[in-house]
Amino acid sequence: FFGTFFNVSLPNMFPNARQSIMSRPVRKQQPQGNKENIDIEFERNQARLQAKQQRYEEQNDYRRRCLEGTKAERQHLQEEARQQIEDLATLKRVNKTEERNFEKSLTNYFQEQQKQCFQAEKSQEVEKRAYLQEVMRENKRIAEEKRMQAAAERASQAAQERSEICFWDRTPRSYR
């Protein structure tokens, strides 16, 4: 009714059925679809294989020199190995000391933060206690003023009642 009267098309209240994988059209396979990716992957594989082959050749050369080399070469290789081990040990020690220093600095930092938090909480608690005591004193003063005002009001009412002449129940009993 609304659409026919105002000539406005309403949105489709019931959309088409949900798309399914089975109802999708099948795409034709393209033989040159990923040519760039294939070239890049081939280059990566070639570089990886060359690096692996170079490491293998270096290992074989090292073994050959260890077994077949002259005495000076073997001593030189042993000295290099010893130097590498010492370098690794010093690096490990340096890393350990740096790690310990970092952990100490972290613990100091967190202890300082915790101390500051405790101090802040303590100061807030002291301020809150002082505020509550001030409020309590103010409330006591107000309550005392109200009591004094009520007592003064009662006293003034009693004085006013005493000053007024009341004729109620003043007639002699014989007239009743």
N, C-alpha and C. Protein backbone atom coordinates (compact mmCIF):
# COMPACT_ATOMS: atom_id res chain seq x y z
N PHE A 1 0.82 -1.19 0.00
CA PHE A 1 0.00 0.00 0.00
C PHE A 1 0.86 1.26 0.00
N PHE A 2 1.87 1.29 0.87
CA PHE A 2 2.75 2.46 0.98
C PHE A 2 3.48 2.72 -0.34
N GLY A 3 4.01 1.64 -0.94
CA GLY A 3 4.76 1.78 -2.18
C GLY A 3 3.88 2.23 -3.34
N THR A 4 2.63 1.80 -3.37
CA THR A 4 1.76 2.17 -4.47
C THR A 4 1.27 3.60 -4.30
N PHE A 5 1.08 4.07 -3.08
CA PHE A 5 0.55 5.40 -2.84
C PHE A 5 1.60 6.47 -3.09
N PHE A 6 2.83 6.25 -2.54
CA PHE A 6 3.88 7.26 -2.65
C PHE A 6 4.84 7.01 -3.81
N ASN A 7 4.66 5.97 -4.54
CA ASN A 7 5.50 5.62 -5.67
C ASN A 7 6.97 5.49 -5.25
N VAL A 8 7.20 4.78 -4.15
CA VAL A 8 8.54 4.53 -3.63
C VAL A 8 8.72 3.03 -3.57
N SER A 9 9.85 2.56 -4.06
CA SER A 9 10.07 1.12 -4.01
C SER A 9 10.60 0.75 -2.62
N LEU A 10 10.02 -0.26 -2.05
CA LEU A 10 10.44 -0.74 -0.73
C LEU A 10 11.65 -1.65 -0.89
N PRO A 11 12.49 -1.71 0.12
CA PRO A 11 13.62 -2.64 0.04
C PRO A 11 13.10 -4.07 0.06
N ASN A 12 13.89 -4.94 -0.52
CA ASN A 12 13.48 -6.34 -0.58
C ASN A 12 13.52 -6.91 0.83
N MET A 13 12.37 -7.29 1.35
CA MET A 13 12.29 -7.79 2.72
C MET A 13 12.83 -9.21 2.84
N PHE A 14 12.78 -9.95 1.76
CA PHE A 14 13.23 -11.33 1.79
C PHE A 14 14.34 -11.50 0.76
N PRO A 15 15.61 -11.37 1.19
CA PRO A 15 16.69 -11.48 0.22
C PRO A 15 16.78 -12.91 -0.32
N ASN A 16 17.55 -13.04 -1.37
CA ASN A 16 17.71 -14.35 -1.99
C ASN A 16 18.33 -15.33 -1.01
N ALA A 17 18.22 -16.58 -1.32
CA ALA A 17 18.77 -17.62 -0.45
C ALA A 17 20.27 -17.41 -0.30
N ARG A 18 20.79 -17.88 0.80
CA ARG A 18 22.21 -17.70 1.11
C ARG A 18 23.07 -18.38 0.06
N GLN A 19 24.17 -17.69 -0.30
CA GLN A 19 25.07 -18.25 -1.30
C GLN A 19 25.73 -19.51 -0.76
N SER A 20 25.87 -20.48 -1.59
CA SER A 20 26.49 -21.73 -1.20
C SER A 20 27.72 -21.96 -2.05
N ILE A 21 28.66 -22.70 -1.50
CA ILE A 21 29.86 -23.03 -2.26
C ILE A 21 29.49 -23.86 -3.48
N MET A 22 28.49 -24.70 -3.32
CA MET A 22 28.10 -25.59 -4.41
C MET A 22 27.46 -24.83 -5.57
N SER A 23 26.87 -23.69 -5.29
CA SER A 23 26.17 -22.96 -6.35
C SER A 23 27.05 -21.93 -7.05
N ARG A 24 28.32 -21.81 -6.64
CA ARG A 24 29.22 -20.86 -7.30
C ARG A 24 29.63 -21.37 -8.68
N PRO A 25 29.80 -20.47 -9.64
CA PRO A 25 30.24 -20.92 -10.96
C PRO A 25 31.70 -21.36 -10.91
N VAL A 26 32.03 -22.36 -11.68
CA VAL A 26 33.39 -22.89 -11.72
C VAL A 26 34.21 -22.03 -12.68
N ARG A 27 35.40 -21.59 -12.21
CA ARG A 27 36.27 -20.79 -13.06
C ARG A 27 37.17 -21.71 -13.88
N LYS A 28 37.47 -21.28 -15.05
CA LYS A 28 38.37 -22.06 -15.90
C LYS A 28 39.80 -21.85 -15.41
N GLN A 29 40.58 -22.91 -15.43
CA GLN A 29 41.97 -22.82 -14.99
C GLN A 29 42.79 -22.08 -16.02
N GLN A 30 43.60 -21.14 -15.54
CA GLN A 30 44.44 -20.37 -16.45
C GLN A 30 45.86 -20.90 -16.37
N PRO A 31 46.45 -21.27 -17.48
CA PRO A 31 47.80 -21.85 -17.42
C PRO A 31 48.86 -20.84 -16.99
N GLN A 32 48.70 -19.55 -17.27
CA GLN A 32 49.70 -18.54 -16.93
C GLN A 32 49.24 -17.71 -15.73
N GLY A 33 48.45 -18.27 -14.85
CA GLY A 33 47.85 -17.51 -13.75
C GLY A 33 48.84 -16.92 -12.79
N ASN A 34 49.81 -17.70 -12.32
CA ASN A 34 50.74 -17.22 -11.30
C ASN A 34 52.18 -17.29 -11.79
N LYS A 35 52.42 -16.81 -12.98
CA LYS A 35 53.76 -16.91 -13.56
C LYS A 35 54.78 -16.12 -12.74
N GLU A 36 54.41 -14.92 -12.28
CA GLU A 36 55.35 -14.11 -11.50
C GLU A 36 55.70 -14.81 -10.19
N ASN A 37 54.69 -15.36 -9.53
CA ASN A 37 54.94 -16.04 -8.26
C ASN A 37 55.81 -17.28 -8.46
N ILE A 38 55.60 -17.99 -9.56
CA ILE A 38 56.40 -19.18 -9.83
C ILE A 38 57.86 -18.79 -10.04
N ASP A 39 58.10 -17.70 -10.76
CA ASP A 39 59.48 -17.24 -10.98
C ASP A 39 60.15 -16.84 -9.67
N ILE A 40 59.44 -16.11 -8.84
CA ILE A 40 60.00 -15.68 -7.55
C ILE A 40 60.31 -16.88 -6.68
N GLU A 41 59.41 -17.85 -6.63
CA GLU A 41 59.63 -19.04 -5.81
C GLU A 41 60.82 -19.84 -6.33
N PHE A 42 60.97 -19.93 -7.66
CA PHE A 42 62.11 -20.65 -8.24
C PHE A 42 63.42 -19.98 -7.84
N GLU A 43 63.46 -18.64 -7.89
CA GLU A 43 64.68 -17.92 -7.51
C GLU A 43 65.02 -18.14 -6.04
N ARG A 44 64.02 -18.14 -5.20
CA ARG A 44 64.26 -18.38 -3.76
C ARG A 44 64.81 -19.79 -3.54
N ASN A 45 64.22 -20.76 -4.20
CA ASN A 45 64.69 -22.14 -4.04
C ASN A 45 66.13 -22.28 -4.53
N GLN A 46 66.47 -21.64 -5.65
CA GLN A 46 67.84 -21.71 -6.17
C GLN A 46 68.82 -21.09 -5.18
N ALA A 47 68.47 -19.94 -4.61
CA ALA A 47 69.35 -19.28 -3.64
C ALA A 47 69.54 -20.16 -2.41
N ARG A 48 68.46 -20.79 -1.94
CA ARG A 48 68.54 -21.67 -0.77
C ARG A 48 69.44 -22.88 -1.06
N LEU A 49 69.27 -23.47 -2.23
CA LEU A 49 70.09 -24.63 -2.59
C LEU A 49 71.56 -24.25 -2.74
N GLN A 50 71.85 -23.09 -3.30
CA GLN A 50 73.25 -22.65 -3.44
C GLN A 50 73.89 -22.43 -2.07
N ALA A 51 73.13 -21.82 -1.14
CA ALA A 51 73.66 -21.59 0.21
C ALA A 51 73.93 -22.92 0.90
N LYS A 52 73.04 -23.89 0.71
CA LYS A 52 73.22 -25.20 1.32
C LYS A 52 74.45 -25.89 0.74
N GLN A 53 74.63 -25.80 -0.56
CA GLN A 53 75.79 -26.42 -1.21
C GLN A 53 77.08 -25.76 -0.74
N GLN A 54 77.08 -24.44 -0.57
CA GLN A 54 78.27 -23.75 -0.11
C GLN A 54 78.64 -24.18 1.31
N ARG A 55 77.62 -24.30 2.20
CA ARG A 55 77.90 -24.77 3.56
C ARG A 55 78.48 -26.18 3.54
N TYR A 56 77.94 -27.02 2.70
CA TYR A 56 78.43 -28.40 2.59
C TYR A 56 79.89 -28.42 2.13
N GLU A 57 80.23 -27.59 1.14
CA GLU A 57 81.61 -27.52 0.66
C GLU A 57 82.55 -27.00 1.74
N GLU A 58 82.11 -26.01 2.51
CA GLU A 58 82.94 -25.48 3.60
C GLU A 58 83.19 -26.55 4.66
N GLN A 59 82.16 -27.33 4.99
CA GLN A 59 82.33 -28.41 5.97
C GLN A 59 83.31 -29.46 5.45
N ASN A 60 83.17 -29.82 4.18
CA ASN A 60 84.10 -30.81 3.61
C ASN A 60 85.53 -30.28 3.60
N ASP A 61 85.70 -29.01 3.26
CA ASP A 61 87.03 -28.41 3.25
C ASP A 61 87.64 -28.41 4.65
N TYR A 62 86.83 -28.09 5.66
CA TYR A 62 87.30 -28.08 7.06
C TYR A 62 87.72 -29.49 7.47
N ARG A 63 86.90 -30.49 7.16
CA ARG A 63 87.24 -31.87 7.51
C ARG A 63 88.54 -32.31 6.80
N ARG A 64 88.66 -31.96 5.53
CA ARG A 64 89.85 -32.35 4.78
C ARG A 64 91.10 -31.73 5.40
N ARG A 65 91.03 -30.45 5.76
CA ARG A 65 92.19 -29.79 6.37
C ARG A 65 92.51 -30.39 7.73
N CYS A 66 91.44 -30.79 8.49
CA CYS A 66 91.69 -31.41 9.81
C CYS A 66 92.39 -32.76 9.65
N LEU A 67 91.99 -33.53 8.66
CA LEU A 67 92.54 -34.87 8.51
C LEU A 67 93.83 -34.89 7.70
N GLU A 68 93.88 -34.13 6.63
CA GLU A 68 95.01 -34.24 5.71
C GLU A 68 95.95 -33.04 5.74
N GLY A 69 95.64 -32.03 6.51
CA GLY A 69 96.45 -30.82 6.51
C GLY A 69 97.76 -31.00 7.23
N THR A 70 98.63 -30.00 7.10
CA THR A 70 99.91 -30.04 7.80
C THR A 70 99.69 -29.75 9.27
N LYS A 71 100.75 -29.93 10.04
CA LYS A 71 100.66 -29.73 11.48
C LYS A 71 100.30 -28.27 11.80
N ALA A 72 100.85 -27.35 11.06
CA ALA A 72 100.58 -25.92 11.29
C ALA A 72 99.11 -25.60 10.98
N GLU A 73 98.57 -26.21 9.91
CA GLU A 73 97.15 -25.99 9.58
C GLU A 73 96.25 -26.53 10.68
N ARG A 74 96.59 -27.74 11.17
CA ARG A 74 95.75 -28.33 12.23
C ARG A 74 95.81 -27.49 13.50
N GLN A 75 97.01 -27.00 13.84
CA GLN A 75 97.12 -26.14 15.03
C GLN A 75 96.32 -24.85 14.83
N HIS A 76 96.41 -24.32 13.63
CA HIS A 76 95.66 -23.10 13.32
C HIS A 76 94.15 -23.35 13.45
N LEU A 77 93.67 -24.49 12.95
CA LEU A 77 92.24 -24.83 13.05
C LEU A 77 91.82 -25.03 14.50
N GLN A 78 92.69 -25.71 15.29
CA GLN A 78 92.38 -25.90 16.71
C GLN A 78 92.33 -24.56 17.43
N GLU A 79 93.26 -23.68 17.08
CA GLU A 79 93.27 -22.35 17.71
C GLU A 79 92.01 -21.57 17.33
N GLU A 80 91.59 -21.68 16.07
CA GLU A 80 90.35 -21.01 15.65
C GLU A 80 89.15 -21.57 16.42
N ALA A 81 89.09 -22.90 16.56
CA ALA A 81 87.98 -23.52 17.29
C ALA A 81 87.98 -23.07 18.74
N ARG A 82 89.18 -23.05 19.36
CA ARG A 82 89.29 -22.61 20.76
C ARG A 82 88.85 -21.16 20.89
N GLN A 83 89.26 -20.33 19.93
CA GLN A 83 88.88 -18.92 19.95
C GLN A 83 87.37 -18.76 19.81
N GLN A 84 86.76 -19.55 18.94
CA GLN A 84 85.30 -19.49 18.78
C GLN A 84 84.60 -19.88 20.07
N ILE A 85 85.11 -20.95 20.72
CA ILE A 85 84.50 -21.39 21.98
C ILE A 85 84.63 -20.30 23.04
N GLU A 86 85.82 -19.67 23.13
CA GLU A 86 86.01 -18.60 24.11
C GLU A 86 85.11 -17.40 23.80
N ASP A 87 84.99 -17.08 22.53
CA ASP A 87 84.10 -15.97 22.15
C ASP A 87 82.66 -16.26 22.55
N LEU A 88 82.23 -17.50 22.29
CA LEU A 88 80.86 -17.87 22.68
C LEU A 88 80.68 -17.81 24.19
N ALA A 89 81.71 -18.27 24.95
CA ALA A 89 81.62 -18.25 26.41
C ALA A 89 81.54 -16.80 26.92
N THR A 90 82.39 -15.92 26.36
CA THR A 90 82.33 -14.52 26.81
C THR A 90 81.00 -13.88 26.43
N LEU A 91 80.52 -14.21 25.23
CA LEU A 91 79.22 -13.68 24.81
C LEU A 91 78.12 -14.15 25.75
N LYS A 92 78.21 -15.43 26.14
CA LYS A 92 77.20 -15.98 27.05
C LYS A 92 77.27 -15.28 28.41
N ARG A 93 78.51 -15.06 28.91
CA ARG A 93 78.66 -14.35 30.19
C ARG A 93 78.12 -12.93 30.11
N VAL A 94 78.44 -12.25 29.02
CA VAL A 94 77.95 -10.87 28.84
C VAL A 94 76.43 -10.86 28.80
N ASN A 95 75.85 -11.80 28.07
CA ASN A 95 74.39 -11.88 28.00
C ASN A 95 73.78 -12.14 29.37
N LYS A 96 74.43 -13.04 30.15
CA LYS A 96 73.91 -13.33 31.49
C LYS A 96 73.96 -12.10 32.38
N THR A 97 75.10 -11.37 32.33
CA THR A 97 75.21 -10.18 33.18
C THR A 97 74.20 -9.12 32.74
N GLU A 98 74.04 -8.96 31.41
CA GLU A 98 73.04 -8.00 30.94
C GLU A 98 71.64 -8.41 31.38
N GLU A 99 71.36 -9.71 31.31
CA GLU A 99 70.04 -10.19 31.73
C GLU A 99 69.82 -9.95 33.21
N ARG A 100 70.88 -10.24 34.03
CA ARG A 100 70.76 -9.99 35.47
C ARG A 100 70.54 -8.50 35.76
N ASN A 101 71.32 -7.65 35.08
CA ASN A 101 71.16 -6.21 35.28
C ASN A 101 69.77 -5.75 34.87
N PHE A 102 69.28 -6.28 33.77
CA PHE A 102 67.93 -5.92 33.32
C PHE A 102 66.88 -6.37 34.34
N GLU A 103 67.03 -7.60 34.85
CA GLU A 103 66.08 -8.09 35.85
C GLU A 103 66.15 -7.25 37.12
N LYS A 104 67.38 -6.87 37.54
CA LYS A 104 67.51 -6.01 38.72
C LYS A 104 66.84 -4.67 38.50
N SER A 105 67.06 -4.10 37.31
CA SER A 105 66.43 -2.80 37.04
C SER A 105 64.91 -2.94 37.02
N LEU A 106 64.42 -4.05 36.46
CA LEU A 106 62.96 -4.27 36.47
C LEU A 106 62.43 -4.39 37.88
N THR A 107 63.11 -5.20 38.72
CA THR A 107 62.63 -5.36 40.09
C THR A 107 62.68 -4.03 40.84
N ASN A 108 63.76 -3.27 40.64
CA ASN A 108 63.85 -1.95 41.29
C ASN A 108 62.72 -1.04 40.83
N TYR A 109 62.45 -1.06 39.53
CA TYR A 109 61.39 -0.22 38.98
C TYR A 109 60.04 -0.60 39.58
N PHE A 110 59.74 -1.91 39.61
CA PHE A 110 58.45 -2.33 40.14
C PHE A 110 58.35 -2.11 41.64
N GLN A 111 59.46 -2.28 42.37
CA GLN A 111 59.44 -2.00 43.80
C GLN A 111 59.18 -0.52 44.05
N GLU A 112 59.81 0.33 43.25
CA GLU A 112 59.59 1.77 43.38
C GLU A 112 58.14 2.13 43.08
N GLN A 113 57.60 1.52 42.02
CA GLN A 113 56.20 1.78 41.69
C GLN A 113 55.28 1.31 42.81
N GLN A 114 55.57 0.12 43.36
CA GLN A 114 54.75 -0.40 44.45
C GLN A 114 54.83 0.51 45.67
N LYS A 115 56.04 1.00 45.96
CA LYS A 115 56.21 1.91 47.09
C LYS A 115 55.41 3.20 46.87
N GLN A 116 55.46 3.73 45.64
CA GLN A 116 54.70 4.94 45.34
C GLN A 116 53.20 4.69 45.46
N CYS A 117 52.75 3.51 45.01
CA CYS A 117 51.32 3.18 45.13
C CYS A 117 50.91 3.11 46.59
N PHE A 118 51.76 2.45 47.42
CA PHE A 118 51.44 2.36 48.84
C PHE A 118 51.39 3.74 49.48
N GLN A 119 52.35 4.60 49.12
CA GLN A 119 52.36 5.95 49.68
C GLN A 119 51.12 6.73 49.24
N ALA A 120 50.74 6.57 47.98
CA ALA A 120 49.55 7.27 47.49
C ALA A 120 48.31 6.77 48.21
N GLU A 121 48.21 5.44 48.39
CA GLU A 121 47.05 4.89 49.11
C GLU A 121 47.03 5.38 50.55
N LYS A 122 48.20 5.42 51.18
CA LYS A 122 48.27 5.87 52.57
C LYS A 122 47.85 7.33 52.69
N SER A 123 48.37 8.17 51.78
CA SER A 123 48.01 9.59 51.83
C SER A 123 46.52 9.78 51.56
N GLN A 124 45.97 9.00 50.62
CA GLN A 124 44.53 9.09 50.36
C GLN A 124 43.73 8.67 51.59
N GLU A 125 44.21 7.62 52.27
CA GLU A 125 43.51 7.16 53.47
C GLU A 125 43.56 8.22 54.56
N VAL A 126 44.72 8.86 54.74
CA VAL A 126 44.85 9.92 55.75
C VAL A 126 43.93 11.10 55.40
N GLU A 127 43.93 11.49 54.12
CA GLU A 127 43.05 12.59 53.70
C GLU A 127 41.59 12.24 53.89
N LYS A 128 41.23 11.00 53.58
CA LYS A 128 39.84 10.58 53.75
C LYS A 128 39.45 10.59 55.22
N ARG A 129 40.36 10.09 56.08
CA ARG A 129 40.07 10.07 57.52
C ARG A 129 39.89 11.51 58.04
N ALA A 130 40.77 12.43 57.61
CA ALA A 130 40.66 13.82 58.04
C ALA A 130 39.35 14.43 57.55
N TYR A 131 38.98 14.14 56.31
CA TYR A 131 37.72 14.66 55.76
C TYR A 131 36.54 14.12 56.55
N LEU A 132 36.55 12.81 56.84
CA LEU A 132 35.43 12.22 57.58
C LEU A 132 35.35 12.78 59.00
N GLN A 133 36.50 13.03 59.63
CA GLN A 133 36.48 13.64 60.97
C GLN A 133 35.90 15.05 60.91
N GLU A 134 36.27 15.79 59.88
CA GLU A 134 35.72 17.14 59.72
C GLU A 134 34.21 17.09 59.52
N VAL A 135 33.76 16.15 58.69
CA VAL A 135 32.32 16.00 58.46
C VAL A 135 31.62 15.61 59.75
N MET A 136 32.24 14.71 60.55
CA MET A 136 31.64 14.29 61.81
C MET A 136 31.54 15.48 62.78
N ARG A 137 32.59 16.29 62.87
CA ARG A 137 32.54 17.47 63.74
C ARG A 137 31.44 18.43 63.30
N GLU A 138 31.34 18.64 61.99
CA GLU A 138 30.30 19.53 61.45
C GLU A 138 28.91 18.99 61.78
N ASN A 139 28.74 17.67 61.61
CA ASN A 139 27.43 17.06 61.92
C ASN A 139 27.10 17.19 63.40
N LYS A 140 28.12 16.99 64.26
CA LYS A 140 27.88 17.14 65.70
C LYS A 140 27.47 18.57 66.03
N ARG A 141 28.17 19.55 65.42
CA ARG A 141 27.85 20.95 65.67
C ARG A 141 26.42 21.26 65.21
N ILE A 142 26.05 20.77 64.03
CA ILE A 142 24.70 21.02 63.51
C ILE A 142 23.66 20.37 64.41
N ALA A 143 23.93 19.12 64.86
CA ALA A 143 22.98 18.43 65.75
C ALA A 143 22.83 19.18 67.07
N GLU A 144 23.94 19.68 67.60
CA GLU A 144 23.88 20.44 68.86
C GLU A 144 23.09 21.73 68.66
N GLU A 145 23.30 22.41 67.52
CA GLU A 145 22.53 23.62 67.24
C GLU A 145 21.04 23.31 67.14
N LYS A 146 20.70 22.20 66.49
CA LYS A 146 19.28 21.81 66.38
C LYS A 146 18.69 21.52 67.75
N ARG A 147 19.47 20.82 68.61
CA ARG A 147 18.98 20.55 69.96
C ARG A 147 18.75 21.83 70.75
N MET A 148 19.72 22.75 70.64
CA MET A 148 19.59 24.02 71.35
C MET A 148 18.39 24.81 70.82
N GLN A 149 18.21 24.80 69.49
CA GLN A 149 17.08 25.52 68.90
C GLN A 149 15.76 24.89 69.34
N ALA A 150 15.71 23.54 69.37
CA ALA A 150 14.48 22.87 69.79
C ALA A 150 14.20 23.17 71.27
N ALA A 151 15.23 23.17 72.10
CA ALA A 151 15.04 23.47 73.53
C ALA A 151 14.57 24.91 73.70
N ALA A 152 15.16 25.83 72.93
CA ALA A 152 14.74 27.23 73.03
C ALA A 152 13.31 27.38 72.55
N GLU A 153 12.94 26.65 71.49
CA GLU A 153 11.57 26.71 70.98
C GLU A 153 10.59 26.18 72.01
N ARG A 154 10.94 25.07 72.65
CA ARG A 154 10.06 24.50 73.68
C ARG A 154 9.91 25.47 74.85
N ALA A 155 11.03 26.09 75.23
CA ALA A 155 10.97 27.04 76.35
C ALA A 155 10.10 28.25 75.98
N SER A 156 10.23 28.74 74.74
CA SER A 156 9.42 29.89 74.33
C SER A 156 7.95 29.51 74.24
N GLN A 157 7.66 28.29 73.76
CA GLN A 157 6.26 27.84 73.71
C GLN A 157 5.68 27.72 75.11
N ALA A 158 6.48 27.19 76.04
CA ALA A 158 6.00 27.06 77.42
C ALA A 158 5.75 28.44 78.02
N ALA A 159 6.63 29.39 77.77
CA ALA A 159 6.45 30.74 78.30
C ALA A 159 5.22 31.39 77.67
N GLN A 160 5.02 31.15 76.37
CA GLN A 160 3.86 31.73 75.69
C GLN A 160 2.57 31.12 76.24
N GLU A 161 2.58 29.81 76.48
CA GLU A 161 1.39 29.16 77.04
C GLU A 161 1.10 29.68 78.45
N ARG A 162 2.14 29.93 79.20
CA ARG A 162 1.93 30.45 80.55
C ARG A 162 1.39 31.87 80.52
N SER A 163 1.81 32.63 79.51
CA SER A 163 1.36 34.02 79.46
C SER A 163 -0.06 34.15 78.92
N GLU A 164 -0.51 33.18 78.14
CA GLU A 164 -1.87 33.25 77.60
C GLU A 164 -2.87 32.86 78.69
N ILE A 165 -4.03 33.50 78.63
CA ILE A 165 -5.08 33.16 79.58
C ILE A 165 -5.94 32.11 78.93
N CYS A 166 -6.12 31.02 79.61
CA CYS A 166 -6.90 29.92 79.06
C CYS A 166 -8.16 29.78 79.91
N PHE A 167 -9.32 29.82 79.24
CA PHE A 167 -10.58 29.72 79.97
C PHE A 167 -11.18 28.32 79.86
N TRP A 168 -10.47 27.45 79.28
CA TRP A 168 -11.02 26.10 79.12
C TRP A 168 -11.00 25.41 80.46
N ASP A 169 -12.11 24.82 80.80
CA ASP A 169 -12.30 24.05 82.03
C ASP A 169 -12.07 24.94 83.27
N ARG A 170 -12.45 26.23 83.15
CA ARG A 170 -12.33 27.12 84.29
C ARG A 170 -13.71 27.41 84.91
N THR A 171 -14.69 26.89 84.28
CA THR A 171 -16.03 27.16 84.84
C THR A 171 -16.23 26.35 86.10
N PRO A 172 -17.00 26.89 87.05
CA PRO A 172 -17.24 26.12 88.29
C PRO A 172 -17.99 24.83 87.99
N ARG A 173 -17.83 23.88 88.83
CA ARG A 173 -18.41 22.57 88.63
C ARG A 173 -19.94 22.62 88.79
N SER A 174 -20.41 23.58 89.45
CA SER A 174 -21.86 23.64 89.69
C SER A 174 -22.64 23.98 88.43
N TYR A 175 -22.00 24.65 87.47
CA TYR A 175 -22.71 25.03 86.24
C TYR A 175 -22.71 23.92 85.19
N ARG A 176 -22.04 22.90 85.43
CA ARG A 176 -21.96 21.88 84.39
C ARG A 176 -23.10 20.99 84.37
